[in-house]
Amino acid sequence: LRVARMIGHITYLSDDDMAEKFGREL
């Protein structure tokens, strides 16, 4: 279930949204 949801969330967000929210922050 965890992996399935993680895959899903990758598809729900845009590349720009991911970059703005997280970027390459450690």
PDB file of all heavy atoms in Angstrom:
ATOM      1  N   LEU A   1       0.827  -1.207   0.000  1.00  0.00           N
ATOM      2  CA  LEU A   1       0.000   0.000   0.000  1.00  0.00           C
ATOM      3  C   LEU A   1       0.864   1.261   0.000  1.00  0.00           C
ATOM      4  O   LEU A   1       0.564   2.235  -0.695  1.00  0.00           O
ATOM      5  CB  LEU A   1      -0.917   0.006   1.219  1.00  0.00           C
ATOM      6  CG  LEU A   1      -2.249  -0.728   1.085  1.00  0.00           C
ATOM      7  CD1 LEU A   1      -2.914  -0.870   2.450  1.00  0.00           C
ATOM      8  CD2 LEU A   1      -3.185  -0.007   0.120  1.00  0.00           C
ATOM      9  N   ARG A   2       1.932   1.247   0.793  1.00  0.00           N
ATOM     10  CA  ARG A   2       2.826   2.407   0.867  1.00  0.00           C
ATOM     11  C   ARG A   2       3.422   2.716  -0.495  1.00  0.00           C
ATOM     12  O   ARG A   2       3.405   3.859  -0.960  1.00  0.00           O
ATOM     13  CB  ARG A   2       3.941   2.158   1.875  1.00  0.00           C
ATOM     14  CG  ARG A   2       3.501   2.176   3.327  1.00  0.00           C
ATOM     15  CD  ARG A   2       4.664   1.821   4.260  1.00  0.00           C
ATOM     16  NE  ARG A   2       5.703   2.835   4.255  1.00  0.00           N
ATOM     17  CZ  ARG A   2       6.887   2.723   3.658  1.00  0.00           C
ATOM     18  NH1 ARG A   2       7.191   1.611   2.984  1.00  0.00           N
ATOM     19  NH2 ARG A   2       7.760   3.700   3.716  1.00  0.00           N
ATOM     20  N   VAL A   3       3.964   1.692  -1.134  1.00  0.00           N
ATOM     21  CA  VAL A   3       4.612   1.907  -2.427  1.00  0.00           C
ATOM     22  C   VAL A   3       3.591   2.352  -3.474  1.00  0.00           C
ATOM     23  O   VAL A   3       3.863   3.253  -4.280  1.00  0.00           O
ATOM     24  CB  VAL A   3       5.343   0.625  -2.875  1.00  0.00           C
ATOM     25  CG1 VAL A   3       5.880   0.783  -4.302  1.00  0.00           C
ATOM     26  CG2 VAL A   3       6.474   0.304  -1.916  1.00  0.00           C
ATOM     27  N   ALA A   4       2.403   1.744  -3.448  1.00  0.00           N
ATOM     28  CA  ALA A   4       1.357   2.125  -4.400  1.00  0.00           C
ATOM     29  C   ALA A   4       1.009   3.601  -4.260  1.00  0.00           C
ATOM     30  O   ALA A   4       0.871   4.329  -5.256  1.00  0.00           O
ATOM     31  CB  ALA A   4       0.115   1.267  -4.182  1.00  0.00           C
ATOM     32  N   ARG A   5       0.880   4.052  -3.022  1.00  0.00           N
ATOM     33  CA  ARG A   5       0.537   5.456  -2.798  1.00  0.00           C
ATOM     34  C   ARG A   5       1.676   6.383  -3.187  1.00  0.00           C
ATOM     35  O   ARG A   5       1.452   7.466  -3.720  1.00  0.00           O
ATOM     36  CB  ARG A   5       0.177   5.667  -1.323  1.00  0.00           C
ATOM     37  CG  ARG A   5      -0.360   7.060  -1.012  1.00  0.00           C
ATOM     38  CD  ARG A   5      -1.599   7.352  -1.818  1.00  0.00           C
ATOM     39  NE  ARG A   5      -2.296   8.528  -1.332  1.00  0.00           N
ATOM     40  CZ  ARG A   5      -3.338   9.080  -1.934  1.00  0.00           C
ATOM     41  NH1 ARG A   5      -3.806   8.547  -3.054  1.00  0.00           N
ATOM     42  NH2 ARG A   5      -3.940  10.129  -1.428  1.00  0.00           N
ATOM     43  N   MET A   6       2.901   5.973  -2.920  1.00  0.00           N
ATOM     44  CA  MET A   6       4.054   6.794  -3.300  1.00  0.00           C
ATOM     45  C   MET A   6       4.105   6.985  -4.815  1.00  0.00           C
ATOM     46  O   MET A   6       4.357   8.091  -5.307  1.00  0.00           O
ATOM     47  CB  MET A   6       5.340   6.152  -2.784  1.00  0.00           C
ATOM     48  CG  MET A   6       5.472   6.207  -1.261  1.00  0.00           C
ATOM     49  SD  MET A   6       6.727   5.092  -0.603  1.00  0.00           S
ATOM     50  CE  MET A   6       8.226   5.914  -1.123  1.00  0.00           C
ATOM     51  N   ILE A   7       3.844   5.901  -5.547  1.00  0.00           N
ATOM     52  CA  ILE A   7       3.802   6.008  -7.011  1.00  0.00           C
ATOM     53  C   ILE A   7       2.706   6.974  -7.432  1.00  0.00           C
ATOM     54  O   ILE A   7       2.906   7.832  -8.299  1.00  0.00           O
ATOM     55  CB  ILE A   7       3.569   4.620  -7.642  1.00  0.00           C
ATOM     56  CG1 ILE A   7       4.769   3.706  -7.396  1.00  0.00           C
ATOM     57  CG2 ILE A   7       3.288   4.739  -9.145  1.00  0.00           C
ATOM     58  CD1 ILE A   7       4.503   2.251  -7.718  1.00  0.00           C
ATOM     59  N   GLY A   8       1.533   6.840  -6.814  1.00  0.00           N
ATOM     60  CA  GLY A   8       0.427   7.714  -7.146  1.00  0.00           C
ATOM     61  C   GLY A   8       0.752   9.176  -6.917  1.00  0.00           C
ATOM     62  O   GLY A   8       0.452  10.040  -7.755  1.00  0.00           O
ATOM     63  N   HIS A   9       1.380   9.482  -5.797  1.00  0.00           N
ATOM     64  CA  HIS A   9       1.665  10.883  -5.472  1.00  0.00           C
ATOM     65  C   HIS A   9       2.653  11.506  -6.444  1.00  0.00           C
ATOM     66  O   HIS A   9       2.602  12.712  -6.691  1.00  0.00           O
ATOM     67  CB  HIS A   9       2.164  11.005  -4.030  1.00  0.00           C
ATOM     68  CG  HIS A   9       1.088  11.405  -3.077  1.00  0.00           C
ATOM     69  ND1 HIS A   9       0.690  12.708  -2.896  1.00  0.00           N
ATOM     70  CD2 HIS A   9       0.288  10.678  -2.297  1.00  0.00           C
ATOM     71  CE1 HIS A   9      -0.284  12.760  -2.016  1.00  0.00           C
ATOM     72  NE2 HIS A   9      -0.560  11.539  -1.643  1.00  0.00           N
ATOM     73  N   ILE A  10       3.541  10.712  -6.991  1.00  0.00           N
ATOM     74  CA  ILE A  10       4.449  11.242  -8.009  1.00  0.00           C
ATOM     75  C   ILE A  10       3.651  11.757  -9.201  1.00  0.00           C
ATOM     76  O   ILE A  10       3.975  12.790  -9.799  1.00  0.00           O
ATOM     77  CB  ILE A  10       5.447  10.159  -8.454  1.00  0.00           C
ATOM     78  CG1 ILE A  10       6.388   9.798  -7.298  1.00  0.00           C
ATOM     79  CG2 ILE A  10       6.264  10.640  -9.661  1.00  0.00           C
ATOM     80  CD1 ILE A  10       7.251   8.575  -7.573  1.00  0.00           C
ATOM     81  N   THR A  11       2.576  11.060  -9.539  1.00  0.00           N
ATOM     82  CA  THR A  11       1.782  11.456 -10.709  1.00  0.00           C
ATOM     83  C   THR A  11       0.810  12.598 -10.405  1.00  0.00           C
ATOM     84  O   THR A  11       0.315  13.232 -11.323  1.00  0.00           O
ATOM     85  CB  THR A  11       0.980  10.259 -11.260  1.00  0.00           C
ATOM     86  OG1 THR A  11      -0.080   9.914 -10.350  1.00  0.00           O
ATOM     87  CG2 THR A  11       1.866   9.058 -11.480  1.00  0.00           C
ATOM     88  N   TYR A  12       0.512  12.845  -9.125  1.00  0.00           N
ATOM     89  CA  TYR A  12      -0.449  13.888  -8.783  1.00  0.00           C
ATOM     90  C   TYR A  12       0.164  15.286  -8.823  1.00  0.00           C
ATOM     91  O   TYR A  12      -0.548  16.274  -8.997  1.00  0.00           O
ATOM     92  CB  TYR A  12      -1.021  13.656  -7.379  1.00  0.00           C
ATOM     93  CG  TYR A  12      -1.740  12.345  -7.198  1.00  0.00           C
ATOM     94  CD1 TYR A  12      -1.805  11.725  -5.954  1.00  0.00           C
ATOM     95  CD2 TYR A  12      -2.339  11.700  -8.276  1.00  0.00           C
ATOM     96  CE1 TYR A  12      -2.453  10.514  -5.779  1.00  0.00           C
ATOM     97  CE2 TYR A  12      -2.984  10.488  -8.113  1.00  0.00           C
ATOM     98  CZ  TYR A  12      -3.040   9.897  -6.857  1.00  0.00           C
ATOM     99  OH  TYR A  12      -3.671   8.697  -6.691  1.00  0.00           O
ATOM    100  N   LEU A  13       1.487  15.371  -8.617  1.00  0.00           N
ATOM    101  CA  LEU A  13       2.159  16.664  -8.556  1.00  0.00           C
ATOM    102  C   LEU A  13       2.860  16.967  -9.875  1.00  0.00           C
ATOM    103  O   LEU A  13       3.338  16.067 -10.558  1.00  0.00           O
ATOM    104  CB  LEU A  13       3.184  16.674  -7.424  1.00  0.00           C
ATOM    105  CG  LEU A  13       2.661  16.438  -6.005  1.00  0.00           C
ATOM    106  CD1 LEU A  13       3.834  16.386  -5.024  1.00  0.00           C
ATOM    107  CD2 LEU A  13       1.673  17.509  -5.596  1.00  0.00           C
ATOM    108  N   SER A  14       2.935  18.241 -10.203  1.00  0.00           N
ATOM    109  CA  SER A  14       3.685  18.646 -11.385  1.00  0.00           C
ATOM    110  C   SER A  14       5.163  18.755 -11.039  1.00  0.00           C
ATOM    111  O   SER A  14       5.551  18.863  -9.867  1.00  0.00           O
ATOM    112  CB  SER A  14       3.184  19.995 -11.897  1.00  0.00           C
ATOM    113  OG  SER A  14       3.552  21.040 -11.001  1.00  0.00           O
ATOM    114  N   ASP A  15       6.013  18.763 -12.058  1.00  0.00           N
ATOM    115  CA  ASP A  15       7.449  18.916 -11.847  1.00  0.00           C
ATOM    116  C   ASP A  15       7.739  20.254 -11.198  1.00  0.00           C
ATOM    117  O   ASP A  15       8.560  20.356 -10.267  1.00  0.00           O
ATOM    118  CB  ASP A  15       8.173  18.786 -13.193  1.00  0.00           C
ATOM    119  CG  ASP A  15       9.683  18.792 -13.041  1.00  0.00           C
ATOM    120  OD1 ASP A  15      10.192  18.158 -12.101  1.00  0.00           O
ATOM    121  OD2 ASP A  15      10.364  19.438 -13.862  1.00  0.00           O
ATOM    122  N   ASP A  16       7.059  21.309 -11.646  1.00  0.00           N
ATOM    123  CA  ASP A  16       7.269  22.644 -11.079  1.00  0.00           C
ATOM    124  C   ASP A  16       6.859  22.685  -9.615  1.00  0.00           C
ATOM    125  O   ASP A  16       7.531  23.305  -8.783  1.00  0.00           O
ATOM    126  CB  ASP A  16       6.476  23.689 -11.866  1.00  0.00           C
ATOM    127  CG  ASP A  16       7.056  23.952 -13.243  1.00  0.00           C
ATOM    128  OD1 ASP A  16       8.220  23.561 -13.474  1.00  0.00           O
ATOM    129  OD2 ASP A  16       6.340  24.528 -14.084  1.00  0.00           O
ATOM    130  N   ASP A  17       5.744  22.026  -9.286  1.00  0.00           N
ATOM    131  CA  ASP A  17       5.267  22.017  -7.909  1.00  0.00           C
ATOM    132  C   ASP A  17       6.244  21.268  -7.008  1.00  0.00           C
ATOM    133  O   ASP A  17       6.555  21.704  -5.888  1.00  0.00           O
ATOM    134  CB  ASP A  17       3.885  21.361  -7.850  1.00  0.00           C
ATOM    135  CG  ASP A  17       3.103  21.769  -6.608  1.00  0.00           C
ATOM    136  OD1 ASP A  17       3.358  22.866  -6.080  1.00  0.00           O
ATOM    137  OD2 ASP A  17       2.229  21.000  -6.183  1.00  0.00           O
ATOM    138  N   MET A  18       6.761  20.138  -7.489  1.00  0.00           N
ATOM    139  CA  MET A  18       7.756  19.396  -6.719  1.00  0.00           C
ATOM    140  C   MET A  18       9.012  20.229  -6.510  1.00  0.00           C
ATOM    141  O   MET A  18       9.584  20.251  -5.415  1.00  0.00           O
ATOM    142  CB  MET A  18       8.124  18.097  -7.438  1.00  0.00           C
ATOM    143  CG  MET A  18       7.207  16.935  -7.157  1.00  0.00           C
ATOM    144  SD  MET A  18       8.016  15.403  -7.654  1.00  0.00           S
ATOM    145  CE  MET A  18       6.670  14.248  -7.432  1.00  0.00           C
ATOM    146  N   ALA A  19       9.445  20.915  -7.571  1.00  0.00           N
ATOM    147  CA  ALA A  19      10.663  21.719  -7.476  1.00  0.00           C
ATOM    148  C   ALA A  19      10.491  22.844  -6.468  1.00  0.00           C
ATOM    149  O   ALA A  19      11.396  23.126  -5.669  1.00  0.00           O
ATOM    150  CB  ALA A  19      11.024  22.286  -8.849  1.00  0.00           C
ATOM    151  N   GLU A  20       9.317  23.478  -6.490  1.00  0.00           N
ATOM    152  CA  GLU A  20       9.084  24.603  -5.582  1.00  0.00           C
ATOM    153  C   GLU A  20       8.954  24.138  -4.133  1.00  0.00           C
ATOM    154  O   GLU A  20       9.475  24.781  -3.210  1.00  0.00           O
ATOM    155  CB  GLU A  20       7.813  25.352  -5.991  1.00  0.00           C
ATOM    156  CG  GLU A  20       7.524  26.568  -5.122  1.00  0.00           C
ATOM    157  CD  GLU A  20       6.307  27.345  -5.578  1.00  0.00           C
ATOM    158  OE1 GLU A  20       5.864  27.146  -6.733  1.00  0.00           O
ATOM    159  OE2 GLU A  20       5.792  28.152  -4.779  1.00  0.00           O
ATOM    160  N   LYS A  21       8.276  23.017  -3.922  1.00  0.00           N
ATOM    161  CA  LYS A  21       8.043  22.533  -2.560  1.00  0.00           C
ATOM    162  C   LYS A  21       9.281  21.883  -1.952  1.00  0.00           C
ATOM    163  O   LYS A  21       9.554  22.037  -0.756  1.00  0.00           O
ATOM    164  CB  LYS A  21       6.903  21.510  -2.551  1.00  0.00           C
ATOM    165  CG  LYS A  21       5.517  22.105  -2.719  1.00  0.00           C
ATOM    166  CD  LYS A  21       4.460  21.005  -2.649  1.00  0.00           C
ATOM    167  CE  LYS A  21       3.059  21.576  -2.738  1.00  0.00           C
ATOM    168  NZ  LYS A  21       2.023  20.505  -2.686  1.00  0.00           N
ATOM    169  N   PHE A  22      10.035  21.129  -2.775  1.00  0.00           N
ATOM    170  CA  PHE A  22      11.098  20.298  -2.222  1.00  0.00           C
ATOM    171  C   PHE A  22      12.466  20.540  -2.850  1.00  0.00           C
ATOM    172  O   PHE A  22      13.476  20.472  -2.152  1.00  0.00           O
ATOM    173  CB  PHE A  22      10.743  18.816  -2.380  1.00  0.00           C
ATOM    174  CG  PHE A  22       9.379  18.458  -1.872  1.00  0.00           C
ATOM    175  CD1 PHE A  22       8.342  18.167  -2.752  1.00  0.00           C
ATOM    176  CD2 PHE A  22       9.123  18.417  -0.513  1.00  0.00           C
ATOM    177  CE1 PHE A  22       7.082  17.828  -2.286  1.00  0.00           C
ATOM    178  CE2 PHE A  22       7.867  18.086  -0.031  1.00  0.00           C
ATOM    179  CZ  PHE A  22       6.838  17.796  -0.922  1.00  0.00           C
ATOM    180  N   GLY A  23      12.491  20.791  -4.176  1.00  0.00           N
ATOM    181  CA  GLY A  23      13.769  20.917  -4.854  1.00  0.00           C
ATOM    182  C   GLY A  23      14.662  19.725  -4.551  1.00  0.00           C
ATOM    183  O   GLY A  23      14.208  18.578  -4.541  1.00  0.00           O
ATOM    184  N   ARG A  24      15.924  20.023  -4.260  1.00  0.00           N
ATOM    185  CA  ARG A  24      16.871  18.985  -3.848  1.00  0.00           C
ATOM    186  C   ARG A  24      17.244  19.150  -2.371  1.00  0.00           C
ATOM    187  O   ARG A  24      18.326  18.758  -1.935  1.00  0.00           O
ATOM    188  CB  ARG A  24      18.120  19.022  -4.728  1.00  0.00           C
ATOM    189  CG  ARG A  24      17.872  18.512  -6.149  1.00  0.00           C
ATOM    190  CD  ARG A  24      19.182  18.524  -6.954  1.00  0.00           C
ATOM    191  NE  ARG A  24      20.246  17.776  -6.306  1.00  0.00           N
ATOM    192  CZ  ARG A  24      20.426  16.455  -6.423  1.00  0.00           C
ATOM    193  NH1 ARG A  24      19.586  15.749  -7.173  1.00  0.00           N
ATOM    194  NH2 ARG A  24      21.431  15.861  -5.811  1.00  0.00           N
ATOM    195  N   GLU A  25      16.319  19.737  -1.613  1.00  0.00           N
ATOM    196  CA  GLU A  25      16.569  19.936  -0.185  1.00  0.00           C
ATOM    197  C   GLU A  25      16.821  18.606   0.517  1.00  0.00           C
ATOM    198  O   GLU A  25      16.108  17.621   0.290  1.00  0.00           O
ATOM    199  CB  GLU A  25      15.378  20.625   0.470  1.00  0.00           C
ATOM    200  CG  GLU A  25      15.279  22.112   0.193  1.00  0.00           C
ATOM    201  CD  GLU A  25      16.384  22.892   0.899  1.00  0.00           C
ATOM    202  OE1 GLU A  25      16.649  22.625   2.088  1.00  0.00           O
ATOM    203  OE2 GLU A  25      16.992  23.760   0.234  1.00  0.00           O
ATOM    204  N   LEU A  26      17.816  18.604   1.373  1.00  0.00           N
ATOM    205  CA  LEU A  26      18.148  17.410   2.142  1.00  0.00           C
ATOM    206  C   LEU A  26      17.477  17.442   3.510  1.00  0.00           C
ATOM    207  O   LEU A  26      17.245  18.507   4.078  1.00  0.00           O
ATOM    208  CB  LEU A  26      19.666  17.305   2.334  1.00  0.00           C
ATOM    209  CG  LEU A  26      20.501  17.061   1.076  1.00  0.00           C
ATOM    210  CD1 LEU A  26      21.977  17.218   1.396  1.00  0.00           C
ATOM    211  CD2 LEU A  26      20.224  15.678   0.506  1.00  0.00           C
TER     212      LEU A  26
END
